[in-house]
Structure formats: C-alpha cells, structure tokens
C-alpha cells in the first residue's frame, strides 16, 4: 500500500472522487483510506504526467464526501491476497461450478 494523494473533489455528475497525486506512475488498483479500508478503485488517470489526477469509482457502501481532503492510498491489483480472475478455474470452483478442463 502506497500513498496515492489527497482527495480534492467529489463529482456528483460522474460520481467519482478526484485525487491529485505527486506520483508520476499511473498504476491502476484499489484505493484505501488511512485505516486500510478499501473505498473504491482507480477508474481513470488524466492530467499532466508529472502530477496526474485519478478518478476513483467509490463503492456504493461508502459516503464519498466524507473523504474530501483526506489522504488515500493505492493497493495495486497484484497485491490483493487470494484474488482470482473472474474466468479462472479456481474462481469457478469457488462458485460451485465445474471447470471445463
């Protein structure tokens, strides 16, 4: 988990949190608050390459406006423990379906 940046704005039209980052490495992944609670995922990266902006798609269970002015952190998809791809054999077995293999 690494610092992504500070939440600047919540767009009511697109329903996205806008985060300004000082990182020039636009990586996609999940976004967590300071306690480690996953609040959403990176939906879009835009703006200058030196200091990009991230549009975060918040999960429906959270109140996005409470994160205005807060620091948020990036958890890359590769760091998720036990995560499987949607179409993988392991995911199919977990869901109770038989694999076609």
PDB file of N, CA and C in Angstrom:
ATOM      1  N   UNK A   1       0.860  -1.170   0.000  1.00  0.00           N
ATOM      2  CA  UNK A   1       0.000   0.000   0.000  1.00  0.00           C
ATOM      3  C   UNK A   1       0.905   1.231   0.000  1.00  0.00           C
ATOM      4  N   UNK A   2       0.663   2.126  -0.956  1.00  0.00           N
ATOM      5  CA  UNK A   2       1.471   3.348  -1.009  1.00  0.00           C
ATOM      6  C   UNK A   2       0.558   4.557  -1.169  1.00  0.00           C
ATOM      7  N   UNK A   3       1.057   5.697  -0.758  1.00  0.00           N
ATOM      8  CA  UNK A   3       0.265   6.919  -0.787  1.00  0.00           C
ATOM      9  C   UNK A   3      -0.060   7.301  -2.226  1.00  0.00           C
ATOM     10  N   UNK A   4      -1.344   7.533  -2.484  1.00  0.00           N
ATOM     11  CA  UNK A   4      -1.784   7.940  -3.814  1.00  0.00           C
ATOM     12  C   UNK A   4      -1.876   9.459  -3.893  1.00  0.00           C
ATOM     13  N   UNK A   5      -2.516  10.077  -2.919  1.00  0.00           N
ATOM     14  CA  UNK A   5      -2.656  11.524  -2.925  1.00  0.00           C
ATOM     15  C   UNK A   5      -3.802  11.975  -2.043  1.00  0.00           C
ATOM     16  N   UNK A   6      -4.228  13.207  -2.282  1.00  0.00           N
ATOM     17  CA  UNK A   6      -5.268  13.835  -1.481  1.00  0.00           C
ATOM     18  C   UNK A   6      -6.541  13.982  -2.310  1.00  0.00           C
ATOM     19  N   UNK A   7      -7.694  13.673  -1.694  1.00  0.00           N
ATOM     20  CA  UNK A   7      -8.980  13.800  -2.374  1.00  0.00           C
ATOM     21  C   UNK A   7      -9.337  15.281  -2.449  1.00  0.00           C
ATOM     22  N   UNK A   8      -9.510  15.777  -3.675  1.00  0.00           N
ATOM     23  CA  UNK A   8      -9.809  17.199  -3.881  1.00  0.00           C
ATOM     24  C   UNK A   8     -11.288  17.486  -4.070  1.00  0.00           C
ATOM     25  N   UNK A   9     -11.989  16.547  -4.712  1.00  0.00           N
ATOM     26  CA  UNK A   9     -13.339  16.874  -5.169  1.00  0.00           C
ATOM     27  C   UNK A   9     -14.162  15.602  -5.327  1.00  0.00           C
ATOM     28  N   UNK A  10     -15.474  15.735  -5.159  1.00  0.00           N
ATOM     29  CA  UNK A  10     -16.398  14.650  -5.493  1.00  0.00           C
ATOM     30  C   UNK A  10     -17.335  15.160  -6.576  1.00  0.00           C
ATOM     31  N   UNK A  11     -17.323  14.511  -7.723  1.00  0.00           N
ATOM     32  CA  UNK A  11     -18.177  14.891  -8.835  1.00  0.00           C
ATOM     33  C   UNK A  11     -19.521  14.188  -8.703  1.00  0.00           C
ATOM     34  N   UNK A  12     -20.571  14.961  -8.496  1.00  0.00           N
ATOM     35  CA  UNK A  12     -21.914  14.382  -8.377  1.00  0.00           C
ATOM     36  C   UNK A  12     -22.427  13.883  -9.724  1.00  0.00           C
ATOM     37  N   UNK A  13     -21.913  14.454 -10.814  1.00  0.00           N
ATOM     38  CA  UNK A  13     -22.344  14.052 -12.154  1.00  0.00           C
ATOM     39  C   UNK A  13     -21.775  12.674 -12.511  1.00  0.00           C
ATOM     40  N   UNK A  14     -20.456  12.521 -12.406  1.00  0.00           N
ATOM     41  CA  UNK A  14     -19.836  11.245 -12.762  1.00  0.00           C
ATOM     42  C   UNK A  14     -19.728  10.294 -11.570  1.00  0.00           C
ATOM     43  N   UNK A  15     -20.034  10.794 -10.384  1.00  0.00           N
ATOM     44  CA  UNK A  15     -19.955  10.012  -9.142  1.00  0.00           C
ATOM     45  C   UNK A  15     -18.557   9.448  -8.940  1.00  0.00           C
ATOM     46  N   UNK A  16     -17.555  10.325  -9.051  1.00  0.00           N
ATOM     47  CA  UNK A  16     -16.162   9.943  -8.875  1.00  0.00           C
ATOM     48  C   UNK A  16     -15.475  10.885  -7.889  1.00  0.00           C
ATOM     49  N   UNK A  17     -14.562  10.335  -7.108  1.00  0.00           N
ATOM     50  CA  UNK A  17     -13.680  11.137  -6.264  1.00  0.00           C
ATOM     51  C   UNK A  17     -12.475  11.504  -7.116  1.00  0.00           C
ATOM     52  N   UNK A  18     -12.043  12.756  -7.047  1.00  0.00           N
ATOM     53  CA  UNK A  18     -10.888  13.200  -7.814  1.00  0.00           C
ATOM     54  C   UNK A  18      -9.718  13.368  -6.849  1.00  0.00           C
ATOM     55  N   UNK A  19      -8.614  12.703  -7.167  1.00  0.00           N
ATOM     56  CA  UNK A  19      -7.429  12.699  -6.314  1.00  0.00           C
ATOM     57  C   UNK A  19      -6.259  13.256  -7.106  1.00  0.00           C
ATOM     58  N   UNK A  20      -5.518  14.201  -6.499  1.00  0.00           N
ATOM     59  CA  UNK A  20      -4.294  14.713  -7.130  1.00  0.00           C
ATOM     60  C   UNK A  20      -3.118  13.983  -6.518  1.00  0.00           C
ATOM     61  N   UNK A  21      -2.260  13.460  -7.385  1.00  0.00           N
ATOM     62  CA  UNK A  21      -1.119  12.678  -6.935  1.00  0.00           C
ATOM     63  C   UNK A  21       0.184  13.377  -7.289  1.00  0.00           C
ATOM     64  N   UNK A  22       1.206  13.124  -6.513  1.00  0.00           N
ATOM     65  CA  UNK A  22       2.538  13.619  -6.835  1.00  0.00           C
ATOM     66  C   UNK A  22       3.354  12.530  -7.510  1.00  0.00           C
ATOM     67  N   UNK A  23       2.784  11.337  -7.606  1.00  0.00           N
ATOM     68  CA  UNK A  23       3.431  10.213  -8.272  1.00  0.00           C
ATOM     69  C   UNK A  23       3.245  10.322  -9.771  1.00  0.00           C
ATOM     70  N   UNK A  24       4.292  10.074 -10.522  1.00  0.00           N
ATOM     71  CA  UNK A  24       4.204  10.105 -11.973  1.00  0.00           C
ATOM     72  C   UNK A  24       3.937   8.713 -12.540  1.00  0.00           C
ATOM     73  N   UNK A  25       3.651   7.747 -11.661  1.00  0.00           N
ATOM     74  CA  UNK A  25       3.438   6.370 -12.073  1.00  0.00           C
ATOM     75  C   UNK A  25       1.951   6.035 -11.989  1.00  0.00           C
ATOM     76  N   UNK A  26       1.218   6.200 -13.094  1.00  0.00           N
ATOM     77  CA  UNK A  26      -0.230   5.951 -13.060  1.00  0.00           C
ATOM     78  C   UNK A  26      -0.571   4.464 -13.057  1.00  0.00           C
ATOM     79  N   UNK A  27      -0.648   3.895 -11.881  1.00  0.00           N
ATOM     80  CA  UNK A  27      -0.954   2.483 -11.720  1.00  0.00           C
ATOM     81  C   UNK A  27      -2.431   2.325 -11.376  1.00  0.00           C
ATOM     82  N   UNK A  28      -3.040   1.287 -11.888  1.00  0.00           N
ATOM     83  CA  UNK A  28      -4.437   1.016 -11.547  1.00  0.00           C
ATOM     84  C   UNK A  28      -4.480   0.062 -10.353  1.00  0.00           C
ATOM     85  N   UNK A  29      -5.538   0.176  -9.583  1.00  0.00           N
ATOM     86  CA  UNK A  29      -5.684  -0.708  -8.434  1.00  0.00           C
ATOM     87  C   UNK A  29      -6.809  -0.230  -7.544  1.00  0.00           C
ATOM     88  N   UNK A  30      -6.852  -0.804  -6.363  1.00  0.00           N
ATOM     89  CA  UNK A  30      -7.854  -0.420  -5.380  1.00  0.00           C
ATOM     90  C   UNK A  30      -7.356   0.783  -4.592  1.00  0.00           C
ATOM     91  N   UNK A  31      -8.286   1.537  -4.027  1.00  0.00           N
ATOM     92  CA  UNK A  31      -7.939   2.713  -3.237  1.00  0.00           C
ATOM     93  C   UNK A  31      -8.449   2.500  -1.821  1.00  0.00           C
ATOM     94  N   UNK A  32      -7.572   2.754  -0.847  1.00  0.00           N
ATOM     95  CA  UNK A  32      -7.911   2.555   0.558  1.00  0.00           C
ATOM     96  C   UNK A  32      -7.746   3.859   1.334  1.00  0.00           C
ATOM     97  N   UNK A  33      -8.472   3.969   2.453  1.00  0.00           N
ATOM     98  CA  UNK A  33      -8.294   5.115   3.332  1.00  0.00           C
ATOM     99  C   UNK A  33      -7.120   4.838   4.275  1.00  0.00           C
ATOM    100  N   UNK A  34      -6.874   5.731   5.235  1.00  0.00           N
ATOM    101  CA  UNK A  34      -5.713   5.588   6.116  1.00  0.00           C
ATOM    102  C   UNK A  34      -5.796   4.374   7.029  1.00  0.00           C
ATOM    103  N   UNK A  35      -6.999   3.836   7.236  1.00  0.00           N
ATOM    104  CA  UNK A  35      -7.151   2.645   8.072  1.00  0.00           C
ATOM    105  C   UNK A  35      -6.969   1.356   7.282  1.00  0.00           C
ATOM    106  N   UNK A  36      -6.866   1.467   5.953  1.00  0.00           N
ATOM    107  CA  UNK A  36      -6.702   0.301   5.102  1.00  0.00           C
ATOM    108  C   UNK A  36      -8.010  -0.205   4.524  1.00  0.00           C
ATOM    109  N   UNK A  37      -9.114   0.474   4.807  1.00  0.00           N
ATOM    110  CA  UNK A  37     -10.421   0.086   4.297  1.00  0.00           C
ATOM    111  C   UNK A  37     -10.516   0.456   2.822  1.00  0.00           C
ATOM    112  N   UNK A  38     -10.835  -0.506   1.956  1.00  0.00           N
ATOM    113  CA  UNK A  38     -10.942  -0.262   0.519  1.00  0.00           C
ATOM    114  C   UNK A  38     -12.202   0.549   0.251  1.00  0.00           C
ATOM    115  N   UNK A  39     -12.016   1.741  -0.341  1.00  0.00           N
ATOM    116  CA  UNK A  39     -13.163   2.623  -0.591  1.00  0.00           C
ATOM    117  C   UNK A  39     -13.581   2.639  -2.055  1.00  0.00           C
ATOM    118  N   UNK A  40     -12.760   2.101  -2.945  1.00  0.00           N
ATOM    119  CA  UNK A  40     -13.101   2.099  -4.366  1.00  0.00           C
ATOM    120  C   UNK A  40     -11.929   1.629  -5.194  1.00  0.00           C
ATOM    121  N   UNK A  41     -11.980   1.956  -6.489  1.00  0.00           N
ATOM    122  CA  UNK A  41     -10.881   1.574  -7.369  1.00  0.00           C
ATOM    123  C   UNK A  41     -10.616   2.684  -8.375  1.00  0.00           C
ATOM    124  N   UNK A  42      -9.393   2.691  -8.907  1.00  0.00           N
ATOM    125  CA  UNK A  42      -8.998   3.692  -9.897  1.00  0.00           C
ATOM    126  C   UNK A  42      -9.773   3.423 -11.178  1.00  0.00           C
ATOM    127  N   UNK A  43     -10.486   4.458 -11.634  1.00  0.00           N
ATOM    128  CA  UNK A  43     -11.298   4.332 -12.839  1.00  0.00           C
ATOM    129  C   UNK A  43     -10.608   4.982 -14.032  1.00  0.00           C
ATOM    130  N   UNK A  44      -9.929   6.091 -13.778  1.00  0.00           N
ATOM    131  CA  UNK A  44      -9.317   6.841 -14.875  1.00  0.00           C
ATOM    132  C   UNK A  44      -8.125   7.632 -14.349  1.00  0.00           C
ATOM    133  N   UNK A  45      -7.120   7.790 -15.195  1.00  0.00           N
ATOM    134  CA  UNK A  45      -5.951   8.615 -14.896  1.00  0.00           C
ATOM    135  C   UNK A  45      -5.906   9.697 -15.956  1.00  0.00           C
ATOM    136  N   UNK A  46      -5.770  10.971 -15.538  1.00  0.00           N
ATOM    137  CA  UNK A  46      -5.764  12.066 -16.506  1.00  0.00           C
ATOM    138  C   UNK A  46      -4.908  13.213 -15.995  1.00  0.00           C
ATOM    139  N   UNK A  47      -4.671  14.178 -16.853  1.00  0.00           N
ATOM    140  CA  UNK A  47      -3.892  15.357 -16.491  1.00  0.00           C
ATOM    141  C   UNK A  47      -2.431  15.219 -16.855  1.00  0.00           C
ATOM    142  N   UNK A  48      -1.588  16.120 -16.331  1.00  0.00           N
ATOM    143  CA  UNK A  48      -0.162  16.095 -16.676  1.00  0.00           C
ATOM    144  C   UNK A  48       0.522  14.843 -16.128  1.00  0.00           C
ATOM    145  N   UNK A  49       1.512  14.355 -16.852  1.00  0.00           N
ATOM    146  CA  UNK A  49       2.188  13.126 -16.441  1.00  0.00           C
ATOM    147  C   UNK A  49       3.020  13.311 -15.183  1.00  0.00           C
ATOM    148  N   UNK A  50       3.470  14.516 -14.906  1.00  0.00           N
ATOM    149  CA  UNK A  50       4.266  14.765 -13.706  1.00  0.00           C
ATOM    150  C   UNK A  50       3.459  14.710 -12.424  1.00  0.00           C
ATOM    151  N   UNK A  51       2.227  15.182 -12.473  1.00  0.00           N
ATOM    152  CA  UNK A  51       1.329  15.174 -11.314  1.00  0.00           C
ATOM    153  C   UNK A  51      -0.078  14.808 -11.782  1.00  0.00           C
ATOM    154  N   UNK A  52      -0.315  13.519 -12.032  1.00  0.00           N
ATOM    155  CA  UNK A  52      -1.609  13.109 -12.590  1.00  0.00           C
ATOM    156  C   UNK A  52      -2.754  13.202 -11.588  1.00  0.00           C
ATOM    157  N   UNK A  53      -3.947  13.219 -12.127  1.00  0.00           N
ATOM    158  CA  UNK A  53      -5.174  13.154 -11.336  1.00  0.00           C
ATOM    159  C   UNK A  53      -5.766  11.761 -11.530  1.00  0.00           C
ATOM    160  N   UNK A  54      -6.396  11.262 -10.499  1.00  0.00           N
ATOM    161  CA  UNK A  54      -7.037   9.958 -10.549  1.00  0.00           C
ATOM    162  C   UNK A  54      -8.525  10.129 -10.282  1.00  0.00           C
ATOM    163  N   UNK A  55      -9.351   9.505 -11.113  1.00  0.00           N
ATOM    164  CA  UNK A  55     -10.792   9.458 -10.862  1.00  0.00           C
ATOM    165  C   UNK A  55     -11.052   8.117 -10.187  1.00  0.00           C
ATOM    166  N   UNK A  56     -11.568   8.169  -8.976  1.00  0.00           N
ATOM    167  CA  UNK A  56     -11.810   6.972  -8.181  1.00  0.00           C
ATOM    168  C   UNK A  56     -13.298   6.650  -8.191  1.00  0.00           C
ATOM    169  N   UNK A  57     -13.625   5.442  -8.565  1.00  0.00           N
ATOM    170  CA  UNK A  57     -15.024   4.995  -8.527  1.00  0.00           C
ATOM    171  C   UNK A  57     -15.270   4.421  -7.135  1.00  0.00           C
ATOM    172  N   UNK A  58     -15.989   5.162  -6.288  1.00  0.00           N
ATOM    173  CA  UNK A  58     -16.202   4.674  -4.916  1.00  0.00           C
ATOM    174  C   UNK A  58     -17.223   3.548  -4.872  1.00  0.00           C
ATOM    175  N   UNK A  59     -17.051   2.663  -3.908  1.00  0.00           N
ATOM    176  CA  UNK A  59     -18.029   1.601  -3.702  1.00  0.00           C
ATOM    177  C   UNK A  59     -19.295   2.200  -3.120  1.00  0.00           C
ATOM    178  N   UNK A  60     -20.415   1.583  -3.393  1.00  0.00           N
ATOM    179  CA  UNK A  60     -21.708   2.136  -3.006  1.00  0.00           C
ATOM    180  C   UNK A  60     -21.933   2.153  -1.498  1.00  0.00           C
ATOM    181  N   UNK A  61     -21.181   1.381  -0.742  1.00  0.00           N
ATOM    182  CA  UNK A  61     -21.367   1.309   0.702  1.00  0.00           C
ATOM    183  C   UNK A  61     -20.789   2.506   1.454  1.00  0.00           C
ATOM    184  N   UNK A  62     -19.997   3.327   0.790  1.00  0.00           N
ATOM    185  CA  UNK A  62     -19.351   4.441   1.491  1.00  0.00           C
ATOM    186  C   UNK A  62     -20.042   5.762   1.174  1.00  0.00           C
ATOM    187  N   UNK A  63     -19.777   6.752   2.022  1.00  0.00           N
ATOM    188  CA  UNK A  63     -20.235   8.123   1.796  1.00  0.00           C
ATOM    189  C   UNK A  63     -19.021   8.886   1.245  1.00  0.00           C
ATOM    190  N   UNK A  64     -18.958   9.128  -0.073  1.00  0.00           N
ATOM    191  CA  UNK A  64     -17.754   9.689  -0.690  1.00  0.00           C
ATOM    192  C   UNK A  64     -17.352  11.068  -0.176  1.00  0.00           C
ATOM    193  N   UNK A  65     -18.304  11.893   0.193  1.00  0.00           N
ATOM    194  CA  UNK A  65     -17.971  13.252   0.607  1.00  0.00           C
ATOM    195  C   UNK A  65     -17.199  13.295   1.923  1.00  0.00           C
ATOM    196  N   UNK A  66     -17.245  12.247   2.713  1.00  0.00           N
ATOM    197  CA  UNK A  66     -16.509  12.260   3.983  1.00  0.00           C
ATOM    198  C   UNK A  66     -14.995  12.122   3.762  1.00  0.00           C
ATOM    199  N   UNK A  67     -14.590  11.767   2.549  1.00  0.00           N
ATOM    200  CA  UNK A  67     -13.162  11.615   2.252  1.00  0.00           C
ATOM    201  C   UNK A  67     -12.535  12.870   1.646  1.00  0.00           C
ATOM    202  N   UNK A  68     -13.308  13.930   1.463  1.00  0.00           N
ATOM    203  CA  UNK A  68     -12.760  15.176   0.914  1.00  0.00           C
ATOM    204  C   UNK A  68     -11.652  15.701   1.830  1.00  0.00           C
ATOM    205  N   UNK A  69     -10.493  15.988   1.238  1.00  0.00           N
ATOM    206  CA  UNK A  69      -9.348  16.492   1.987  1.00  0.00           C
ATOM    207  C   UNK A  69      -8.508  15.416   2.640  1.00  0.00           C
ATOM    208  N   UNK A  70      -8.927  14.179   2.569  1.00  0.00           N
ATOM    209  CA  UNK A  70      -8.202  13.064   3.198  1.00  0.00           C
ATOM    210  C   UNK A  70      -7.164  12.473   2.250  1.00  0.00           C
ATOM    211  N   UNK A  71      -6.112  11.901   2.841  1.00  0.00           N
ATOM    212  CA  UNK A  71      -5.113  11.168   2.068  1.00  0.00           C
ATOM    213  C   UNK A  71      -5.660   9.772   1.784  1.00  0.00           C
ATOM    214  N   UNK A  72      -5.434   9.288   0.574  1.00  0.00           N
ATOM    215  CA  UNK A  72      -5.839   7.928   0.211  1.00  0.00           C
ATOM    216  C   UNK A  72      -4.619   7.174  -0.321  1.00  0.00           C
ATOM    217  N   UNK A  73      -4.731   5.866  -0.322  1.00  0.00           N
ATOM    218  CA  UNK A  73      -3.600   5.007  -0.644  1.00  0.00           C
ATOM    219  C   UNK A  73      -3.971   4.015  -1.739  1.00  0.00           C
ATOM    220  N   UNK A  74      -2.975   3.655  -2.542  1.00  0.00           N
ATOM    221  CA  UNK A  74      -3.170   2.738  -3.658  1.00  0.00           C
ATOM    222  C   UNK A  74      -2.747   1.332  -3.261  1.00  0.00           C
ATOM    223  N   UNK A  75      -3.598   0.378  -3.560  1.00  0.00           N
ATOM    224  CA  UNK A  75      -3.294  -1.036  -3.367  1.00  0.00           C
ATOM    225  C   UNK A  75      -3.367  -1.667  -4.752  1.00  0.00           C
ATOM    226  N   UNK A  76      -2.211  -1.884  -5.414  1.00  0.00           N
ATOM    227  CA  UNK A  76      -2.245  -2.462  -6.763  1.00  0.00           C
ATOM    228  C   UNK A  76      -2.947  -3.811  -6.785  1.00  0.00           C
ATOM    229  N   UNK A  77      -3.584  -4.135  -7.903  1.00  0.00           N
ATOM    230  CA  UNK A  77      -4.308  -5.396  -8.047  1.00  0.00           C
ATOM    231  C   UNK A  77      -3.415  -6.587  -7.712  1.00  0.00           C
ATOM    232  N   UNK A  78      -2.130  -6.505  -8.045  1.00  0.00           N
ATOM    233  CA  UNK A  78      -1.217  -7.624  -7.825  1.00  0.00           C
ATOM    234  C   UNK A  78      -0.969  -7.894  -6.350  1.00  0.00           C
ATOM    235  N   UNK A  79      -1.249  -6.940  -5.470  1.00  0.00           N
ATOM    236  CA  UNK A  79      -1.021  -7.121  -4.039  1.00  0.00           C
ATOM    237  C   UNK A  79      -2.224  -7.712  -3.322  1.00  0.00           C
ATOM    238  N   UNK A  80      -3.325  -7.906  -4.014  1.00  0.00           N
ATOM    239  CA  UNK A  80      -4.517  -8.455  -3.379  1.00  0.00           C
ATOM    240  C   UNK A  80      -4.302  -9.936  -3.100  1.00  0.00           C
ATOM    241  N   UNK A  81      -4.483 -10.332  -1.877  1.00  0.00           N
ATOM    242  CA  UNK A  81      -4.274 -11.728  -1.490  1.00  0.00           C
ATOM    243  C   UNK A  81      -5.500 -12.552  -1.831  1.00  0.00           C
ATOM    244  N   UNK A  82      -5.278 -13.688  -2.467  1.00  0.00           N
ATOM    245  CA  UNK A  82      -6.364 -14.605  -2.776  1.00  0.00           C
ATOM    246  C   UNK A  82      -7.248 -14.156  -3.930  1.00  0.00           C
ATOM    247  N   UNK A  83      -6.837 -13.107  -4.618  1.00  0.00           N
ATOM    248  CA  UNK A  83      -7.662 -12.625  -5.726  1.00  0.00           C
ATOM    249  C   UNK A  83      -7.486 -13.535  -6.929  1.00  0.00           C
ATOM    250  N   UNK A  84      -8.577 -13.836  -7.575  1.00  0.00           N
ATOM    251  CA  UNK A  84      -8.524 -14.626  -8.801  1.00  0.00           C
ATOM    252  C   UNK A  84      -9.253 -13.867  -9.896  1.00  0.00           C
ATOM    253  N   UNK A  85      -8.898 -14.152 -11.115  1.00  0.00           N
ATOM    254  CA  UNK A  85      -9.600 -13.533 -12.226  1.00  0.00           C
ATOM    255  C   UNK A  85     -10.988 -14.123 -12.339  1.00  0.00           C
ATOM    256  N   UNK A  86     -11.889 -13.368 -12.881  1.00  0.00           N
ATOM    257  CA  UNK A  86     -13.291 -13.771 -12.957  1.00  0.00           C
ATOM    258  C   UNK A  86     -13.472 -15.105 -13.677  1.00  0.00           C
ATOM    259  N   UNK A  87     -12.749 -15.333 -14.738  1.00  0.00           N
ATOM    260  CA  UNK A  87     -12.946 -16.541 -15.528  1.00  0.00           C
ATOM    261  C   UNK A  87     -12.006 -17.678 -15.171  1.00  0.00           C
ATOM    262  N   UNK A  88     -11.257 -17.557 -14.108  1.00  0.00           N
ATOM    263  CA  UNK A  88     -10.276 -18.588 -13.795  1.00  0.00           C
ATOM    264  C   UNK A  88     -10.923 -19.865 -13.250  1.00  0.00           C
ATOM    265  N   UNK A  89     -10.201 -20.939 -13.331  1.00  0.00           N
ATOM    266  CA  UNK A  89     -10.703 -22.232 -12.854  1.00  0.00           C
ATOM    267  C   UNK A  89     -10.959 -22.193 -11.354  1.00  0.00           C
ATOM    268  N   UNK A  90     -10.049 -21.590 -10.613  1.00  0.00           N
ATOM    269  CA  UNK A  90     -10.176 -21.511  -9.162  1.00  0.00           C
ATOM    270  C   UNK A  90     -11.434 -20.731  -8.771  1.00  0.00           C
ATOM    271  N   UNK A  91     -11.706 -19.640  -9.468  1.00  0.00           N
ATOM    272  CA  UNK A  91     -12.902 -18.844  -9.180  1.00  0.00           C
ATOM    273  C   UNK A  91     -14.158 -19.639  -9.486  1.00  0.00           C
ATOM    274  N   UNK A  92     -14.135 -20.438 -10.555  1.00  0.00           N
ATOM    275  CA  UNK A  92     -15.288 -21.254 -10.915  1.00  0.00           C
ATOM    276  C   UNK A  92     -15.558 -22.310  -9.869  1.00  0.00           C
ATOM    277  N   UNK A  93     -14.501 -22.920  -9.346  1.00  0.00           N
ATOM    278  CA  UNK A  93     -14.664 -23.939  -8.322  1.00  0.00           C
ATOM    279  C   UNK A  93     -15.223 -23.352  -7.037  1.00  0.00           C
ATOM    280  N   UNK A  94     -14.784 -22.139  -6.700  1.00  0.00           N
ATOM    281  CA  UNK A  94     -15.297 -21.474  -5.507  1.00  0.00           C
ATOM    282  C   UNK A  94     -16.785 -21.186  -5.642  1.00  0.00           C
ATOM    283  N   UNK A  95     -17.218 -20.876  -6.847  1.00  0.00           N
ATOM    284  CA  UNK A  95     -18.612 -20.540  -7.079  1.00  0.00           C
ATOM    285  C   UNK A  95     -19.479 -21.791  -7.202  1.00  0.00           C
ATOM    286  N   UNK A  96     -18.861 -22.963  -7.127  1.00  0.00           N
ATOM    287  CA  UNK A  96     -19.628 -24.201  -7.181  1.00  0.00           C
ATOM    288  C   UNK A  96     -19.879 -24.717  -8.582  1.00  0.00           C
ATOM    289  N   UNK A  97     -19.221 -24.119  -9.571  1.00  0.00           N
ATOM    290  CA  UNK A  97     -19.395 -24.579 -10.941  1.00  0.00           C
ATOM    291  C   UNK A  97     -18.237 -25.482 -11.324  1.00  0.00           C
ATOM    292  N   UNK A  98     -18.499 -26.404 -12.211  1.00  0.00           N
ATOM    293  CA  UNK A  98     -17.436 -27.286 -12.677  1.00  0.00           C
ATOM    294  C   UNK A  98     -16.642 -26.577 -13.763  1.00  0.00           C
ATOM    295  N   UNK A  99     -15.373 -26.834 -13.771  1.00  0.00           N
ATOM    296  CA  UNK A  99     -14.480 -26.289 -14.780  1.00  0.00           C
ATOM    297  C   UNK A  99     -14.616 -27.085 -16.069  1.00  0.00           C
ATOM    298  N   UNK A 100     -14.369 -26.438 -17.182  1.00  0.00           N
ATOM    299  CA  UNK A 100     -14.460 -27.116 -18.479  1.00  0.00           C
ATOM    300  C   UNK A 100     -13.177 -27.864 -18.806  1.00  0.00           C
ATOM    301  N   UNK A 101     -12.208 -27.876 -17.928  1.00  0.00           N
ATOM    302  CA  UNK A 101     -10.930 -28.562 -18.168  1.00  0.00           C
ATOM    303  C   UNK A 101     -11.019 -30.011 -17.885  1.00  0.00           C
TER     304      UNK A 101
END
